Amino acid sequence: MRARRADGGFYVETAPGNGEAFYDAVILATGFAPIDARTRGSYGYGVLPMVTTGEEMERRLRQEGQHAYDDLPLERVAFIQCVGSRDEHAGRGYCSQVCCRYAVRLARLLK
């Protein structure tokens, strides 16, 4: 895929020889894959009942609504960020630029 900026938008050629089409915006979706929290034993996932992943928390909040965690004695919640990012042993010694915003979003949903 090739794109060039012109005329206040983008001309995009999706395959060589197919010509170009004009678009107002281009969204680059790089994709991601959540890590398996069970591989990070030091955090207690799968061992301690109050340890969950952000994805699981979000799913529960969507299914059960704002009161999804009312049955648990949650006075303070800790978010551990950068799990899976900034891990040079796994070839990811960089910030994913997702964790911080995601944690703030989940905190607002819990409030």
PDB file of N, CA and C in Angstrom:
ATOM      1  N   MET A   1       0.847  -1.165   0.000  1.00  0.00           N
ATOM      2  CA  MET A   1       0.000   0.000   0.000  1.00  0.00           C
ATOM      3  C   MET A   1       0.896   1.233   0.000  1.00  0.00           C
ATOM      4  N   ARG A   2       0.540   2.184  -0.779  1.00  0.00           N
ATOM      5  CA  ARG A   2       1.275   3.437  -0.846  1.00  0.00           C
ATOM      6  C   ARG A   2       0.292   4.586  -0.705  1.00  0.00           C
ATOM      7  N   ALA A   3       0.718   5.623  -0.016  1.00  0.00           N
ATOM      8  CA  ALA A   3      -0.133   6.800   0.151  1.00  0.00           C
ATOM      9  C   ALA A   3       0.712   8.049  -0.022  1.00  0.00           C
ATOM     10  N   ARG A   4       0.098   9.062  -0.588  1.00  0.00           N
ATOM     11  CA  ARG A   4       0.770  10.356  -0.684  1.00  0.00           C
ATOM     12  C   ARG A   4      -0.239  11.436  -0.340  1.00  0.00           C
ATOM     13  N   ARG A   5       0.237  12.429   0.371  1.00  0.00           N
ATOM     14  CA  ARG A   5      -0.627  13.522   0.829  1.00  0.00           C
ATOM     15  C   ARG A   5      -0.712  14.582  -0.259  1.00  0.00           C
ATOM     16  N   ALA A   6      -1.929  15.018  -0.561  1.00  0.00           N
ATOM     17  CA  ALA A   6      -2.130  16.080  -1.549  1.00  0.00           C
ATOM     18  C   ALA A   6      -3.574  16.558  -1.494  1.00  0.00           C
ATOM     19  N   ASP A   7      -3.798  17.788  -1.877  1.00  0.00           N
ATOM     20  CA  ASP A   7      -5.145  18.354  -1.996  1.00  0.00           C
ATOM     21  C   ASP A   7      -5.961  18.239  -0.709  1.00  0.00           C
ATOM     22  N   GLY A   8      -5.313  18.342   0.453  1.00  0.00           N
ATOM     23  CA  GLY A   8      -6.025  18.283   1.727  1.00  0.00           C
ATOM     24  C   GLY A   8      -6.446  16.888   2.134  1.00  0.00           C
ATOM     25  N   GLY A   9      -5.939  15.876   1.483  1.00  0.00           N
ATOM     26  CA  GLY A   9      -6.279  14.493   1.813  1.00  0.00           C
ATOM     27  C   GLY A   9      -5.149  13.572   1.411  1.00  0.00           C
ATOM     28  N   PHE A  10      -5.504  12.356   1.024  1.00  0.00           N
ATOM     29  CA  PHE A  10      -4.504  11.352   0.683  1.00  0.00           C
ATOM     30  C   PHE A  10      -4.925  10.595  -0.570  1.00  0.00           C
ATOM     31  N   TYR A  11      -3.973  10.367  -1.443  1.00  0.00           N
ATOM     32  CA  TYR A  11      -4.172   9.470  -2.576  1.00  0.00           C
ATOM     33  C   TYR A  11      -3.546   8.138  -2.182  1.00  0.00           C
ATOM     34  N   VAL A  12      -4.330   7.074  -2.244  1.00  0.00           N
ATOM     35  CA  VAL A  12      -3.869   5.770  -1.777  1.00  0.00           C
ATOM     36  C   VAL A  12      -3.940   4.765  -2.917  1.00  0.00           C
ATOM     37  N   GLU A  13      -2.841   4.052  -3.101  1.00  0.00           N
ATOM     38  CA  GLU A  13      -2.777   2.943  -4.056  1.00  0.00           C
ATOM     39  C   GLU A  13      -2.654   1.673  -3.224  1.00  0.00           C
ATOM     40  N   THR A  14      -3.687   0.822  -3.233  1.00  0.00           N
ATOM     41  CA  THR A  14      -3.690  -0.365  -2.375  1.00  0.00           C
ATOM     42  C   THR A  14      -2.859  -1.501  -2.943  1.00  0.00           C
ATOM     43  N   ALA A  15      -2.709  -1.555  -4.249  1.00  0.00           N
ATOM     44  CA  ALA A  15      -1.880  -2.579  -4.884  1.00  0.00           C
ATOM     45  C   ALA A  15      -1.256  -1.968  -6.132  1.00  0.00           C
ATOM     46  N   PRO A  16      -0.025  -2.346  -6.440  1.00  0.00           N
ATOM     47  CA  PRO A  16       0.621  -1.790  -7.632  1.00  0.00           C
ATOM     48  C   PRO A  16      -0.223  -2.022  -8.885  1.00  0.00           C
ATOM     49  N   GLY A  17      -0.408  -0.961  -9.647  1.00  0.00           N
ATOM     50  CA  GLY A  17      -1.155  -1.072 -10.897  1.00  0.00           C
ATOM     51  C   GLY A  17      -2.657  -0.896 -10.766  1.00  0.00           C
ATOM     52  N   ASN A  18      -3.193  -0.788  -9.553  1.00  0.00           N
ATOM     53  CA  ASN A  18      -4.637  -0.630  -9.364  1.00  0.00           C
ATOM     54  C   ASN A  18      -5.085   0.819  -9.405  1.00  0.00           C
ATOM     55  N   GLY A  19      -4.159   1.744  -9.551  1.00  0.00           N
ATOM     56  CA  GLY A  19      -4.516   3.154  -9.545  1.00  0.00           C
ATOM     57  C   GLY A  19      -4.694   3.667  -8.131  1.00  0.00           C
ATOM     58  N   GLU A  20      -4.984   4.953  -8.044  1.00  0.00           N
ATOM     59  CA  GLU A  20      -5.130   5.590  -6.742  1.00  0.00           C
ATOM     60  C   GLU A  20      -6.576   5.991  -6.491  1.00  0.00           C
ATOM     61  N   ALA A  21      -6.934   6.050  -5.227  1.00  0.00           N
ATOM     62  CA  ALA A  21      -8.236   6.569  -4.808  1.00  0.00           C
ATOM     63  C   ALA A  21      -7.963   7.670  -3.793  1.00  0.00           C
ATOM     64  N   PHE A  22      -8.836   8.672  -3.748  1.00  0.00           N
ATOM     65  CA  PHE A  22      -8.654   9.800  -2.841  1.00  0.00           C
ATOM     66  C   PHE A  22      -9.453   9.583  -1.563  1.00  0.00           C
ATOM     67  N   TYR A  23      -8.829   9.859  -0.412  1.00  0.00           N
ATOM     68  CA  TYR A  23      -9.477   9.730   0.891  1.00  0.00           C
ATOM     69  C   TYR A  23      -9.189  10.975   1.715  1.00  0.00           C
ATOM     70  N   ASP A  24     -10.135  11.341   2.566  1.00  0.00           N
ATOM     71  CA  ASP A  24      -9.945  12.486   3.453  1.00  0.00           C
ATOM     72  C   ASP A  24      -8.996  12.161   4.600  1.00  0.00           C
ATOM     73  N   ALA A  25      -8.972  10.903   5.012  1.00  0.00           N
ATOM     74  CA  ALA A  25      -8.128  10.492   6.134  1.00  0.00           C
ATOM     75  C   ALA A  25      -7.655   9.067   5.907  1.00  0.00           C
ATOM     76  N   VAL A  26      -6.544   8.739   6.508  1.00  0.00           N
ATOM     77  CA  VAL A  26      -6.011   7.379   6.487  1.00  0.00           C
ATOM     78  C   VAL A  26      -5.788   6.973   7.931  1.00  0.00           C
ATOM     79  N   ILE A  27      -6.286   5.815   8.309  1.00  0.00           N
ATOM     80  CA  ILE A  27      -6.094   5.306   9.665  1.00  0.00           C
ATOM     81  C   ILE A  27      -5.109   4.153   9.587  1.00  0.00           C
ATOM     82  N   LEU A  28      -4.009   4.301  10.274  1.00  0.00           N
ATOM     83  CA  LEU A  28      -2.992   3.262  10.300  1.00  0.00           C
ATOM     84  C   LEU A  28      -3.214   2.423  11.547  1.00  0.00           C
ATOM     85  N   ALA A  29      -3.681   1.206  11.376  1.00  0.00           N
ATOM     86  CA  ALA A  29      -3.941   0.310  12.503  1.00  0.00           C
ATOM     87  C   ALA A  29      -2.806  -0.699  12.575  1.00  0.00           C
ATOM     88  N   THR A  30      -1.911  -0.483  13.514  1.00  0.00           N
ATOM     89  CA  THR A  30      -0.730  -1.338  13.609  1.00  0.00           C
ATOM     90  C   THR A  30      -1.032  -2.667  14.276  1.00  0.00           C
ATOM     91  N   GLY A  31      -2.118  -2.737  15.017  1.00  0.00           N
ATOM     92  CA  GLY A  31      -2.501  -3.978  15.678  1.00  0.00           C
ATOM     93  C   GLY A  31      -1.726  -4.212  16.958  1.00  0.00           C
ATOM     94  N   PHE A  32      -2.209  -5.133  17.746  1.00  0.00           N
ATOM     95  CA  PHE A  32      -1.522  -5.517  18.970  1.00  0.00           C
ATOM     96  C   PHE A  32      -2.056  -6.868  19.393  1.00  0.00           C
ATOM     97  N   ALA A  33      -1.359  -7.478  20.269  1.00  0.00           N
ATOM     98  CA  ALA A  33      -1.810  -8.741  20.842  1.00  0.00           C
ATOM     99  C   ALA A  33      -1.597  -8.650  22.349  1.00  0.00           C
ATOM    100  N   PRO A  34      -2.659  -8.817  23.137  1.00  0.00           N
ATOM    101  CA  PRO A  34      -2.480  -8.768  24.588  1.00  0.00           C
ATOM    102  C   PRO A  34      -1.572  -9.902  25.049  1.00  0.00           C
ATOM    103  N   ILE A  35      -0.803  -9.644  26.086  1.00  0.00           N
ATOM    104  CA  ILE A  35       0.073 -10.699  26.596  1.00  0.00           C
ATOM    105  C   ILE A  35      -0.741 -11.670  27.437  1.00  0.00           C
ATOM    106  N   ASP A  36      -0.230 -12.855  27.609  1.00  0.00           N
ATOM    107  CA  ASP A  36      -0.851 -13.848  28.475  1.00  0.00           C
ATOM    108  C   ASP A  36      -0.410 -13.533  29.900  1.00  0.00           C
ATOM    109  N   ALA A  37      -1.323 -13.035  30.717  1.00  0.00           N
ATOM    110  CA  ALA A  37      -0.986 -12.604  32.079  1.00  0.00           C
ATOM    111  C   ALA A  37      -0.451 -13.750  32.933  1.00  0.00           C
ATOM    112  N   ARG A  38      -0.775 -14.979  32.571  1.00  0.00           N
ATOM    113  CA  ARG A  38      -0.268 -16.122  33.343  1.00  0.00           C
ATOM    114  C   ARG A  38       1.246 -16.256  33.237  1.00  0.00           C
ATOM    115  N   THR A  39       1.835 -15.671  32.186  1.00  0.00           N
ATOM    116  CA  THR A  39       3.291 -15.753  32.025  1.00  0.00           C
ATOM    117  C   THR A  39       4.016 -14.740  32.895  1.00  0.00           C
ATOM    118  N   ARG A  40       3.281 -13.881  33.573  1.00  0.00           N
ATOM    119  CA  ARG A  40       3.864 -12.862  34.450  1.00  0.00           C
ATOM    120  C   ARG A  40       3.512 -13.198  35.899  1.00  0.00           C
ATOM    121  N   GLY A  41       4.042 -14.302  36.381  1.00  0.00           N
ATOM    122  CA  GLY A  41       3.701 -14.826  37.699  1.00  0.00           C
ATOM    123  C   GLY A  41       3.959 -13.896  38.860  1.00  0.00           C
ATOM    124  N   SER A  42       4.885 -12.972  38.705  1.00  0.00           N
ATOM    125  CA  SER A  42       5.222 -12.094  39.828  1.00  0.00           C
ATOM    126  C   SER A  42       4.082 -11.162  40.220  1.00  0.00           C
ATOM    127  N   TYR A  43       3.070 -11.034  39.383  1.00  0.00           N
ATOM    128  CA  TYR A  43       1.942 -10.153  39.700  1.00  0.00           C
ATOM    129  C   TYR A  43       0.783 -10.892  40.370  1.00  0.00           C
ATOM    130  N   GLY A  44       0.818 -12.206  40.410  1.00  0.00           N
ATOM    131  CA  GLY A  44      -0.202 -12.981  41.102  1.00  0.00           C
ATOM    132  C   GLY A  44      -1.449 -13.281  40.296  1.00  0.00           C
ATOM    133  N   TYR A  45      -1.424 -13.034  38.988  1.00  0.00           N
ATOM    134  CA  TYR A  45      -2.599 -13.329  38.164  1.00  0.00           C
ATOM    135  C   TYR A  45      -2.842 -14.838  38.146  1.00  0.00           C
ATOM    136  N   GLY A  46      -4.080 -15.241  38.372  1.00  0.00           N
ATOM    137  CA  GLY A  46      -4.428 -16.655  38.400  1.00  0.00           C
ATOM    138  C   GLY A  46      -4.206 -17.294  39.756  1.00  0.00           C
ATOM    139  N   VAL A  47      -3.542 -16.581  40.667  1.00  0.00           N
ATOM    140  CA  VAL A  47      -3.277 -17.078  42.014  1.00  0.00           C
ATOM    141  C   VAL A  47      -4.069 -16.265  43.034  1.00  0.00           C
ATOM    142  N   LEU A  48      -4.008 -14.957  42.899  1.00  0.00           N
ATOM    143  CA  LEU A  48      -4.725 -14.057  43.804  1.00  0.00           C
ATOM    144  C   LEU A  48      -6.055 -13.658  43.164  1.00  0.00           C
ATOM    145  N   PRO A  49      -7.167 -13.851  43.870  1.00  0.00           N
ATOM    146  CA  PRO A  49      -8.482 -13.621  43.255  1.00  0.00           C
ATOM    147  C   PRO A  49      -8.772 -12.170  42.871  1.00  0.00           C
ATOM    148  N   MET A  50      -8.089 -11.217  43.455  1.00  0.00           N
ATOM    149  CA  MET A  50      -8.372  -9.811  43.164  1.00  0.00           C
ATOM    150  C   MET A  50      -7.472  -9.251  42.058  1.00  0.00           C
ATOM    151  N   VAL A  51      -6.652 -10.094  41.429  1.00  0.00           N
ATOM    152  CA  VAL A  51      -5.779  -9.650  40.340  1.00  0.00           C
ATOM    153  C   VAL A  51      -6.449 -10.010  39.023  1.00  0.00           C
ATOM    154  N   THR A  52      -6.642  -9.014  38.184  1.00  0.00           N
ATOM    155  CA  THR A  52      -7.311  -9.215  36.904  1.00  0.00           C
ATOM    156  C   THR A  52      -6.562  -8.434  35.827  1.00  0.00           C
ATOM    157  N   THR A  53      -6.908  -8.648  34.600  1.00  0.00           N
ATOM    158  CA  THR A  53      -6.315  -7.864  33.515  1.00  0.00           C
ATOM    159  C   THR A  53      -7.262  -6.726  33.159  1.00  0.00           C
ATOM    160  N   GLY A  54      -6.736  -5.724  32.504  1.00  0.00           N
ATOM    161  CA  GLY A  54      -7.573  -4.616  32.065  1.00  0.00           C
ATOM    162  C   GLY A  54      -8.661  -5.083  31.120  1.00  0.00           C
ATOM    163  N   GLU A  55      -8.316  -6.005  30.236  1.00  0.00           N
ATOM    164  CA  GLU A  55      -9.289  -6.527  29.277  1.00  0.00           C
ATOM    165  C   GLU A  55     -10.440  -7.237  29.996  1.00  0.00           C
ATOM    166  N   GLU A  56     -10.117  -8.036  31.019  1.00  0.00           N
ATOM    167  CA  GLU A  56     -11.162  -8.720  31.786  1.00  0.00           C
ATOM    168  C   GLU A  56     -12.025  -7.728  32.560  1.00  0.00           C
ATOM    169  N   MET A  57     -11.384  -6.707  33.124  1.00  0.00           N
ATOM    170  CA  MET A  57     -12.125  -5.692  33.866  1.00  0.00           C
ATOM    171  C   MET A  57     -13.088  -4.949  32.939  1.00  0.00           C
ATOM    172  N   GLU A  58     -12.599  -4.580  31.779  1.00  0.00           N
ATOM    173  CA  GLU A  58     -13.448  -3.861  30.830  1.00  0.00           C
ATOM    174  C   GLU A  58     -14.629  -4.726  30.387  1.00  0.00           C
ATOM    175  N   ARG A  59     -14.387  -6.000  30.123  1.00  0.00           N
ATOM    176  CA  ARG A  59     -15.456  -6.906  29.704  1.00  0.00           C
ATOM    177  C   ARG A  59     -16.526  -7.017  30.791  1.00  0.00           C
ATOM    178  N   ARG A  60     -16.083  -7.162  32.041  1.00  0.00           N
ATOM    179  CA  ARG A  60     -17.040  -7.282  33.146  1.00  0.00           C
ATOM    180  C   ARG A  60     -17.853  -5.998  33.317  1.00  0.00           C
ATOM    181  N   LEU A  61     -17.199  -4.856  33.203  1.00  0.00           N
ATOM    182  CA  LEU A  61     -17.914  -3.584  33.318  1.00  0.00           C
ATOM    183  C   LEU A  61     -18.929  -3.406  32.192  1.00  0.00           C
ATOM    184  N   ARG A  62     -18.580  -3.856  31.005  1.00  0.00           N
ATOM    185  CA  ARG A  62     -19.520  -3.739  29.877  1.00  0.00           C
ATOM    186  C   ARG A  62     -20.714  -4.671  30.047  1.00  0.00           C
ATOM    187  N   GLN A  63     -20.455  -5.876  30.560  1.00  0.00           N
ATOM    188  CA  GLN A  63     -21.533  -6.854  30.710  1.00  0.00           C
ATOM    189  C   GLN A  63     -22.438  -6.545  31.898  1.00  0.00           C
ATOM    190  N   GLU A  64     -21.833  -6.132  33.020  1.00  0.00           N
ATOM    191  CA  GLU A  64     -22.589  -5.972  34.255  1.00  0.00           C
ATOM    192  C   GLU A  64     -22.879  -4.522  34.622  1.00  0.00           C
ATOM    193  N   GLY A  65     -22.262  -3.599  33.922  1.00  0.00           N
ATOM    194  CA  GLY A  65     -22.527  -2.194  34.181  1.00  0.00           C
ATOM    195  C   GLY A  65     -21.683  -1.607  35.294  1.00  0.00           C
ATOM    196  N   GLN A  66     -22.037  -0.409  35.683  1.00  0.00           N
ATOM    197  CA  GLN A  66     -21.262   0.382  36.637  1.00  0.00           C
ATOM    198  C   GLN A  66     -21.087  -0.304  37.991  1.00  0.00           C
ATOM    199  N   HIS A  67     -21.999  -1.165  38.367  1.00  0.00           N
ATOM    200  CA  HIS A  67     -21.945  -1.803  39.685  1.00  0.00           C
ATOM    201  C   HIS A  67     -21.335  -3.206  39.633  1.00  0.00           C
ATOM    202  N   ALA A  68     -20.555  -3.496  38.617  1.00  0.00           N
ATOM    203  CA  ALA A  68     -19.978  -4.830  38.425  1.00  0.00           C
ATOM    204  C   ALA A  68     -19.106  -5.278  39.588  1.00  0.00           C
ATOM    205  N   TYR A  69     -18.485  -4.352  40.273  1.00  0.00           N
ATOM    206  CA  TYR A  69     -17.566  -4.710  41.357  1.00  0.00           C
ATOM    207  C   TYR A  69     -18.100  -4.333  42.735  1.00  0.00           C
ATOM    208  N   ASP A  70     -19.389  -4.061  42.832  1.00  0.00           N
ATOM    209  CA  ASP A  70     -19.972  -3.679  44.123  1.00  0.00           C
ATOM    210  C   ASP A  70     -19.876  -4.786  45.171  1.00  0.00           C
ATOM    211  N   ASP A  71     -19.797  -6.045  44.740  1.00  0.00           N
ATOM    212  CA  ASP A  71     -19.741  -7.159  45.686  1.00  0.00           C
ATOM    213  C   ASP A  71     -18.342  -7.361  46.275  1.00  0.00           C
ATOM    214  N   LEU A  72     -17.369  -6.606  45.811  1.00  0.00           N
ATOM    215  CA  LEU A  72     -15.998  -6.732  46.304  1.00  0.00           C
ATOM    216  C   LEU A  72     -15.633  -5.525  47.162  1.00  0.00           C
ATOM    217  N   PRO A  73     -14.842  -5.743  48.203  1.00  0.00           N
ATOM    218  CA  PRO A  73     -14.454  -4.633  49.082  1.00  0.00           C
ATOM    219  C   PRO A  73     -13.329  -3.791  48.468  1.00  0.00           C
ATOM    220  N   LEU A  74     -13.660  -3.052  47.432  1.00  0.00           N
ATOM    221  CA  LEU A  74     -12.653  -2.247  46.734  1.00  0.00           C
ATOM    222  C   LEU A  74     -12.674  -0.815  47.248  1.00  0.00           C
ATOM    223  N   GLU A  75     -11.708  -0.492  48.070  1.00  0.00           N
ATOM    224  CA  GLU A  75     -11.561   0.895  48.499  1.00  0.00           C
ATOM    225  C   GLU A  75     -10.464   1.574  47.704  1.00  0.00           C
ATOM    226  N   ARG A  76      -9.423   0.814  47.385  1.00  0.00           N
ATOM    227  CA  ARG A  76      -8.317   1.337  46.588  1.00  0.00           C
ATOM    228  C   ARG A  76      -7.952   0.293  45.541  1.00  0.00           C
ATOM    229  N   VAL A  77      -7.664   0.755  44.344  1.00  0.00           N
ATOM    230  CA  VAL A  77      -7.315  -0.133  43.234  1.00  0.00           C
ATOM    231  C   VAL A  77      -5.975   0.321  42.669  1.00  0.00           C
ATOM    232  N   ALA A  78      -5.074  -0.619  42.429  1.00  0.00           N
ATOM    233  CA  ALA A  78      -3.776  -0.308  41.823  1.00  0.00           C
ATOM    234  C   ALA A  78      -3.767  -0.814  40.387  1.00  0.00           C
ATOM    235  N   PHE A  79      -3.253  -0.006  39.496  1.00  0.00           N
ATOM    236  CA  PHE A  79      -3.073  -0.397  38.103  1.00  0.00           C
ATOM    237  C   PHE A  79      -1.581  -0.572  37.862  1.00  0.00           C
ATOM    238  N   ILE A  80      -1.182  -1.751  37.442  1.00  0.00           N
ATOM    239  CA  ILE A  80       0.220  -2.003  37.109  1.00  0.00           C
ATOM    240  C   ILE A  80       0.338  -1.857  35.601  1.00  0.00           C
ATOM    241  N   GLN A  81       1.108  -0.889  35.188  1.00  0.00           N
ATOM    242  CA  GLN A  81       1.197  -0.562  33.772  1.00  0.00           C
ATOM    243  C   GLN A  81       2.516  -1.042  33.174  1.00  0.00           C
ATOM    244  N   CYS A  82       2.579  -1.030  31.877  1.00  0.00           N
ATOM    245  CA  CYS A  82       3.767  -1.392  31.096  1.00  0.00           C
ATOM    246  C   CYS A  82       4.082  -2.885  31.161  1.00  0.00           C
ATOM    247  N   VAL A  83       3.146  -3.719  31.593  1.00  0.00           N
ATOM    248  CA  VAL A  83       3.379  -5.162  31.610  1.00  0.00           C
ATOM    249  C   VAL A  83       3.341  -5.639  30.160  1.00  0.00           C
ATOM    250  N   GLY A  84       4.448  -6.162  29.697  1.00  0.00           N
ATOM    251  CA  GLY A  84       4.557  -6.583  28.303  1.00  0.00           C
ATOM    252  C   GLY A  84       5.244  -5.550  27.436  1.00  0.00           C
ATOM    253  N   SER A  85       5.233  -4.299  27.859  1.00  0.00           N
ATOM    254  CA  SER A  85       5.991  -3.251  27.180  1.00  0.00           C
ATOM    255  C   SER A  85       7.269  -3.030  27.981  1.00  0.00           C
ATOM    256  N   ARG A  86       8.185  -2.341  27.398  1.00  0.00           N
ATOM    257  CA  ARG A  86       9.453  -2.022  28.068  1.00  0.00           C
ATOM    258  C   ARG A  86      10.153  -3.276  28.580  1.00  0.00           C
ATOM    259  N   ASP A  87       9.998  -4.370  27.855  1.00  0.00           N
ATOM    260  CA  ASP A  87      10.599  -5.648  28.228  1.00  0.00           C
ATOM    261  C   ASP A  87      11.656  -5.997  27.184  1.00  0.00           C
ATOM    262  N   GLU A  88      12.885  -5.635  27.467  1.00  0.00           N
ATOM    263  CA  GLU A  88      13.955  -5.856  26.496  1.00  0.00           C
ATOM    264  C   GLU A  88      14.217  -7.334  26.248  1.00  0.00           C
ATOM    265  N   HIS A  89      13.945  -8.196  27.241  1.00  0.00           N
ATOM    266  CA  HIS A  89      14.142  -9.637  27.055  1.00  0.00           C
ATOM    267  C   HIS A  89      13.165 -10.206  26.031  1.00  0.00           C
ATOM    268  N   ALA A  90      12.012  -9.566  25.882  1.00  0.00           N
ATOM    269  CA  ALA A  90      11.012 -10.012  24.904  1.00  0.00           C
ATOM    270  C   ALA A  90      11.125  -9.238  23.592  1.00  0.00           C
ATOM    271  N   GLY A  91      12.158  -8.386  23.478  1.00  0.00           N
ATOM    272  CA  GLY A  91      12.344  -7.618  22.255  1.00  0.00           C
ATOM    273  C   GLY A  91      11.455  -6.393  22.160  1.00  0.00           C
ATOM    274  N   ARG A  92      10.920  -5.952  23.304  1.00  0.00           N
ATOM    275  CA  ARG A  92      10.049  -4.775  23.318  1.00  0.00           C
ATOM    276  C   ARG A  92      10.545  -3.789  24.371  1.00  0.00           C
ATOM    277  N   GLY A  93      11.655  -3.164  24.118  1.00  0.00           N
ATOM    278  CA  GLY A  93      12.225  -2.229  25.074  1.00  0.00           C
ATOM    279  C   GLY A  93      11.680  -0.826  24.921  1.00  0.00           C
ATOM    280  N   TYR A  94      10.481  -0.688  24.420  1.00  0.00           N
ATOM    281  CA  TYR A  94       9.897   0.620  24.145  1.00  0.00           C
ATOM    282  C   TYR A  94       8.536   0.747  24.819  1.00  0.00           C
ATOM    283  N   CYS A  95       8.069   1.960  24.933  1.00  0.00           N
ATOM    284  CA  CYS A  95       6.747   2.247  25.495  1.00  0.00           C
ATOM    285  C   CYS A  95       5.689   1.985  24.426  1.00  0.00           C
ATOM    286  N   SER A  96       4.634   1.265  24.784  1.00  0.00           N
ATOM    287  CA  SER A  96       3.571   0.973  23.816  1.00  0.00           C
ATOM    288  C   SER A  96       2.644   2.166  23.598  1.00  0.00           C
ATOM    289  N   GLN A  97       2.700   3.157  24.469  1.00  0.00           N
ATOM    290  CA  GLN A  97       1.877   4.366  24.396  1.00  0.00           C
ATOM    291  C   GLN A  97       0.381   4.065  24.474  1.00  0.00           C
ATOM    292  N   VAL A  98       0.037   2.968  25.125  1.00  0.00           N
ATOM    293  CA  VAL A  98      -1.362   2.591  25.284  1.00  0.00           C
ATOM    294  C   VAL A  98      -1.731   2.467  26.758  1.00  0.00           C
ATOM    295  N   CYS A  99      -0.845   1.919  27.554  1.00  0.00           N
ATOM    296  CA  CYS A  99      -1.145   1.550  28.945  1.00  0.00           C
ATOM    297  C   CYS A  99      -1.671   2.702  29.783  1.00  0.00           C
ATOM    298  N   CYS A 100      -1.020   3.848  29.714  1.00  0.00           N
ATOM    299  CA  CYS A 100      -1.412   4.983  30.564  1.00  0.00           C
ATOM    300  C   CYS A 100      -2.847   5.416  30.290  1.00  0.00           C
ATOM    301  N   ARG A 101      -3.169   5.622  29.036  1.00  0.00           N
ATOM    302  CA  ARG A 101      -4.527   6.066  28.683  1.00  0.00           C
ATOM    303  C   ARG A 101      -5.559   4.999  29.017  1.00  0.00           C
ATOM    304  N   TYR A 102      -5.197   3.740  28.807  1.00  0.00           N
ATOM    305  CA  TYR A 102      -6.122   2.646  29.092  1.00  0.00           C
ATOM    306  C   TYR A 102      -6.409   2.561  30.590  1.00  0.00           C
ATOM    307  N   ALA A 103      -5.382   2.706  31.420  1.00  0.00           N
ATOM    308  CA  ALA A 103      -5.566   2.655  32.871  1.00  0.00           C
ATOM    309  C   ALA A 103      -6.440   3.809  33.353  1.00  0.00           C
ATOM    310  N   VAL A 104      -6.228   4.994  32.822  1.00  0.00           N
ATOM    311  CA  VAL A 104      -7.055   6.145  33.211  1.00  0.00           C
ATOM    312  C   VAL A 104      -8.503   5.907  32.801  1.00  0.00           C
ATOM    313  N   ARG A 105      -8.701   5.369  31.620  1.00  0.00           N
ATOM    314  CA  ARG A 105     -10.061   5.083  31.148  1.00  0.00           C
ATOM    315  C   ARG A 105     -10.758   4.075  32.061  1.00  0.00           C
ATOM    316  N   LEU A 106     -10.053   2.997  32.430  1.00  0.00           N
ATOM    317  CA  LEU A 106     -10.649   2.003  33.321  1.00  0.00           C
ATOM    318  C   LEU A 106     -10.915   2.586  34.707  1.00  0.00           C
ATOM    319  N   ALA A 107     -10.014   3.416  35.195  1.00  0.00           N
ATOM    320  CA  ALA A 107     -10.219   4.038  36.507  1.00  0.00           C
ATOM    321  C   ALA A 107     -11.477   4.896  36.499  1.00  0.00           C
ATOM    322  N   ARG A 108     -11.698   5.605  35.415  1.00  0.00           N
ATOM    323  CA  ARG A 108     -12.903   6.434  35.318  1.00  0.00           C
ATOM    324  C   ARG A 108     -14.159   5.570  35.264  1.00  0.00           C
ATOM    325  N   LEU A 109     -14.081   4.411  34.620  1.00  0.00           N
ATOM    326  CA  LEU A 109     -15.235   3.510  34.577  1.00  0.00           C
ATOM    327  C   LEU A 109     -15.536   2.926  35.954  1.00  0.00           C
ATOM    328  N   LEU A 110     -14.499   2.684  36.744  1.00  0.00           N
ATOM    329  CA  LEU A 110     -14.692   2.121  38.085  1.00  0.00           C
ATOM    330  C   LEU A 110     -15.254   3.131  39.072  1.00  0.00           C
ATOM    331  N   LYS A 111     -14.962   4.379  38.849  1.00  0.00           N
ATOM    332  CA  LYS A 111     -15.325   5.431  39.800  1.00  0.00           C
ATOM    333  C   LYS A 111     -16.814   5.524  40.036  1.00  0.00           C
TER     334      LYS A 111
END
